[in-house]
Amino acid sequence: MGLPSEMRDLWRSRSNSVLIASPAEDQKILNARHCTQEGVRAGAKAACIACVASAVPTLVAVRVVPWAKANLNYTAQALIISGASIAAYFITADKTILECARRNARYDKTA
């Protein structure tokens, strides 16, 4: 069930290629990693803020509003809060990564 020996040798030789990545390509990889890390950081901050911003009104409503008290159990409350947090994380991370990529693309064109 393993790879045949020829395929294994071909796969191994591809990783030990004579081609060496250029410094420009290494810089592009570093920029992409930096953009990803920046997006994750911004997304985590946005998720924390959205968690608090959605948890407070949800928990207050469940204790004060009669309809919410009757219809929103613990699972519904958790879904409301986590849904807002997840949406904030992905939207913010996506926007941050795209903005960083645009910034890097503009930088590369002028250089």
C-alpha atoms as a PDB file:
ATOM      1  CA  MET A   1       0.000   0.000   0.000  1.00  0.00           C
ATOM      2  CA  GLY A   2       2.995   2.326  -0.152  1.00  0.00           C
ATOM      3  CA  LEU A   3       4.365   4.329  -3.038  1.00  0.00           C
ATOM      4  CA  PRO A   4       6.369   2.366  -5.609  1.00  0.00           C
ATOM      5  CA  SER A   5      10.087   2.929  -5.297  1.00  0.00           C
ATOM      6  CA  GLU A   6      10.295   4.971  -8.544  1.00  0.00           C
ATOM      7  CA  MET A   7       7.564   7.337  -7.371  1.00  0.00           C
ATOM      8  CA  ARG A   8       9.211   7.657  -3.975  1.00  0.00           C
ATOM      9  CA  ASP A   9      12.567   8.491  -5.564  1.00  0.00           C
ATOM     10  CA  LEU A  10      10.921  11.005  -7.927  1.00  0.00           C
ATOM     11  CA  TRP A  11       9.121  12.660  -5.027  1.00  0.00           C
ATOM     12  CA  ARG A  12      12.363  12.808  -3.022  1.00  0.00           C
ATOM     13  CA  SER A  13      14.306  14.292  -5.945  1.00  0.00           C
ATOM     14  CA  ARG A  14      11.661  17.025  -6.388  1.00  0.00           C
ATOM     15  CA  SER A  15      12.245  18.225  -2.838  1.00  0.00           C
ATOM     16  CA  ASN A  16      16.037  18.254  -3.353  1.00  0.00           C
ATOM     17  CA  SER A  17      15.805  20.249  -6.549  1.00  0.00           C
ATOM     18  CA  VAL A  18      18.738  22.187  -7.984  1.00  0.00           C
ATOM     19  CA  LEU A  19      16.543  25.274  -8.196  1.00  0.00           C
ATOM     20  CA  ILE A  20      17.123  27.672  -5.341  1.00  0.00           C
ATOM     21  CA  ALA A  21      14.405  30.103  -4.354  1.00  0.00           C
ATOM     22  CA  SER A  22      15.314  33.690  -5.140  1.00  0.00           C
ATOM     23  CA  PRO A  23      15.503  36.315  -2.394  1.00  0.00           C
ATOM     24  CA  ALA A  24      12.480  38.038  -3.961  1.00  0.00           C
ATOM     25  CA  GLU A  25      10.473  34.836  -3.658  1.00  0.00           C
ATOM     26  CA  ASP A  26      11.599  34.371  -0.066  1.00  0.00           C
ATOM     27  CA  GLN A  27      10.484  37.943   0.637  1.00  0.00           C
ATOM     28  CA  LYS A  28       7.071  37.236  -0.890  1.00  0.00           C
ATOM     29  CA  ILE A  29       6.685  34.197   1.356  1.00  0.00           C
ATOM     30  CA  LEU A  30       7.667  36.232   4.413  1.00  0.00           C
ATOM     31  CA  ASN A  31       5.196  38.974   3.425  1.00  0.00           C
ATOM     32  CA  ALA A  32       2.417  36.392   3.053  1.00  0.00           C
ATOM     33  CA  ARG A  33       3.165  34.944   6.493  1.00  0.00           C
ATOM     34  CA  HIS A  34       3.246  38.418   8.004  1.00  0.00           C
ATOM     35  CA  CYS A  35      -0.125  39.249   6.413  1.00  0.00           C
ATOM     36  CA  THR A  36      -1.626  36.041   7.758  1.00  0.00           C
ATOM     37  CA  GLN A  37      -0.346  36.695  11.272  1.00  0.00           C
ATOM     38  CA  GLU A  38      -1.611  40.268  11.128  1.00  0.00           C
ATOM     39  CA  GLY A  39      -5.033  39.015  10.022  1.00  0.00           C
ATOM     40  CA  VAL A  40      -5.212  36.459  12.819  1.00  0.00           C
ATOM     41  CA  ARG A  41      -4.286  39.094  15.404  1.00  0.00           C
ATOM     42  CA  ALA A  42      -6.872  41.570  14.134  1.00  0.00           C
ATOM     43  CA  GLY A  43      -9.516  38.829  13.897  1.00  0.00           C
ATOM     44  CA  ALA A  44      -8.900  37.703  17.465  1.00  0.00           C
ATOM     45  CA  LYS A  45      -9.266  41.265  18.740  1.00  0.00           C
ATOM     46  CA  ALA A  46     -12.496  41.721  16.795  1.00  0.00           C
ATOM     47  CA  ALA A  47     -13.846  38.385  18.072  1.00  0.00           C
ATOM     48  CA  CYS A  48     -13.184  39.384  21.685  1.00  0.00           C
ATOM     49  CA  ILE A  49     -14.953  42.697  21.221  1.00  0.00           C
ATOM     50  CA  ALA A  50     -17.886  41.044  19.431  1.00  0.00           C
ATOM     51  CA  CYS A  51     -18.161  38.430  22.181  1.00  0.00           C
ATOM     52  CA  VAL A  52     -18.594  41.073  24.856  1.00  0.00           C
ATOM     53  CA  ALA A  53     -20.800  43.233  22.648  1.00  0.00           C
ATOM     54  CA  SER A  54     -23.172  40.341  21.948  1.00  0.00           C
ATOM     55  CA  ALA A  55     -23.023  38.623  25.347  1.00  0.00           C
ATOM     56  CA  VAL A  56     -24.137  41.592  27.425  1.00  0.00           C
ATOM     57  CA  PRO A  57     -27.381  42.347  25.531  1.00  0.00           C
ATOM     58  CA  THR A  58     -28.188  38.651  25.103  1.00  0.00           C
ATOM     59  CA  LEU A  59     -27.822  37.861  28.788  1.00  0.00           C
ATOM     60  CA  VAL A  60     -29.706  40.987  29.825  1.00  0.00           C
ATOM     61  CA  ALA A  61     -32.528  40.215  27.390  1.00  0.00           C
ATOM     62  CA  VAL A  62     -32.867  36.651  28.679  1.00  0.00           C
ATOM     63  CA  ARG A  63     -33.412  37.960  32.183  1.00  0.00           C
ATOM     64  CA  VAL A  64     -35.633  40.960  31.353  1.00  0.00           C
ATOM     65  CA  VAL A  65     -37.589  40.377  28.131  1.00  0.00           C
ATOM     66  CA  PRO A  66     -40.424  37.850  28.605  1.00  0.00           C
ATOM     67  CA  TRP A  67     -40.195  36.438  25.063  1.00  0.00           C
ATOM     68  CA  ALA A  68     -36.440  35.868  25.350  1.00  0.00           C
ATOM     69  CA  LYS A  69     -36.863  34.366  28.802  1.00  0.00           C
ATOM     70  CA  ALA A  70     -39.361  31.851  27.438  1.00  0.00           C
ATOM     71  CA  ASN A  71     -37.654  30.995  24.142  1.00  0.00           C
ATOM     72  CA  LEU A  72     -33.871  31.342  24.465  1.00  0.00           C
ATOM     73  CA  ASN A  73     -32.336  28.455  26.351  1.00  0.00           C
ATOM     74  CA  TYR A  74     -28.601  28.140  27.137  1.00  0.00           C
ATOM     75  CA  THR A  75     -27.825  26.657  23.728  1.00  0.00           C
ATOM     76  CA  ALA A  76     -29.524  29.507  21.894  1.00  0.00           C
ATOM     77  CA  GLN A  77     -27.651  32.049  23.984  1.00  0.00           C
ATOM     78  CA  ALA A  78     -24.341  30.348  23.245  1.00  0.00           C
ATOM     79  CA  LEU A  79     -25.137  30.206  19.526  1.00  0.00           C
ATOM     80  CA  ILE A  80     -25.955  33.909  19.410  1.00  0.00           C
ATOM     81  CA  ILE A  81     -22.749  34.887  21.179  1.00  0.00           C
ATOM     82  CA  SER A  82     -20.459  32.476  19.329  1.00  0.00           C
ATOM     83  CA  GLY A  83     -22.049  33.270  15.967  1.00  0.00           C
ATOM     84  CA  ALA A  84     -21.291  36.948  16.393  1.00  0.00           C
ATOM     85  CA  SER A  85     -17.740  36.204  17.524  1.00  0.00           C
ATOM     86  CA  ILE A  86     -17.008  33.818  14.664  1.00  0.00           C
ATOM     87  CA  ALA A  87     -18.431  36.195  12.066  1.00  0.00           C
ATOM     88  CA  ALA A  88     -16.387  39.088  13.448  1.00  0.00           C
ATOM     89  CA  TYR A  89     -13.214  36.984  13.426  1.00  0.00           C
ATOM     90  CA  PHE A  90     -13.511  35.812   9.833  1.00  0.00           C
ATOM     91  CA  ILE A  91     -14.698  39.112   8.395  1.00  0.00           C
ATOM     92  CA  THR A  92     -11.944  41.089  10.099  1.00  0.00           C
ATOM     93  CA  ALA A  93      -9.211  38.558   9.327  1.00  0.00           C
ATOM     94  CA  ASP A  94     -10.241  38.440   5.670  1.00  0.00           C
ATOM     95  CA  LYS A  95     -10.318  42.225   5.321  1.00  0.00           C
ATOM     96  CA  THR A  96      -6.966  42.602   7.061  1.00  0.00           C
ATOM     97  CA  ILE A  97      -5.247  39.957   4.940  1.00  0.00           C
ATOM     98  CA  LEU A  98      -6.616  41.444   1.706  1.00  0.00           C
ATOM     99  CA  GLU A  99      -5.601  44.973   2.720  1.00  0.00           C
ATOM    100  CA  CYS A 100      -2.101  43.775   3.587  1.00  0.00           C
ATOM    101  CA  ALA A 101      -1.825  41.912   0.274  1.00  0.00           C
ATOM    102  CA  ARG A 102      -2.908  45.044  -1.615  1.00  0.00           C
ATOM    103  CA  ARG A 103      -0.334  47.067   0.278  1.00  0.00           C
ATOM    104  CA  ASN A 104       2.391  44.558  -0.638  1.00  0.00           C
ATOM    105  CA  ALA A 105       1.285  44.455  -4.278  1.00  0.00           C
ATOM    106  CA  ARG A 106       1.470  48.264  -4.538  1.00  0.00           C
ATOM    107  CA  TYR A 107       4.886  48.180  -2.891  1.00  0.00           C
ATOM    108  CA  ASP A 108       6.168  45.578  -5.384  1.00  0.00           C
ATOM    109  CA  LYS A 109       4.970  47.579  -8.414  1.00  0.00           C
ATOM    110  CA  THR A 110       6.796  50.722  -7.361  1.00  0.00           C
ATOM    111  CA  ALA A 111      10.044  48.908  -6.572  1.00  0.00           C
END
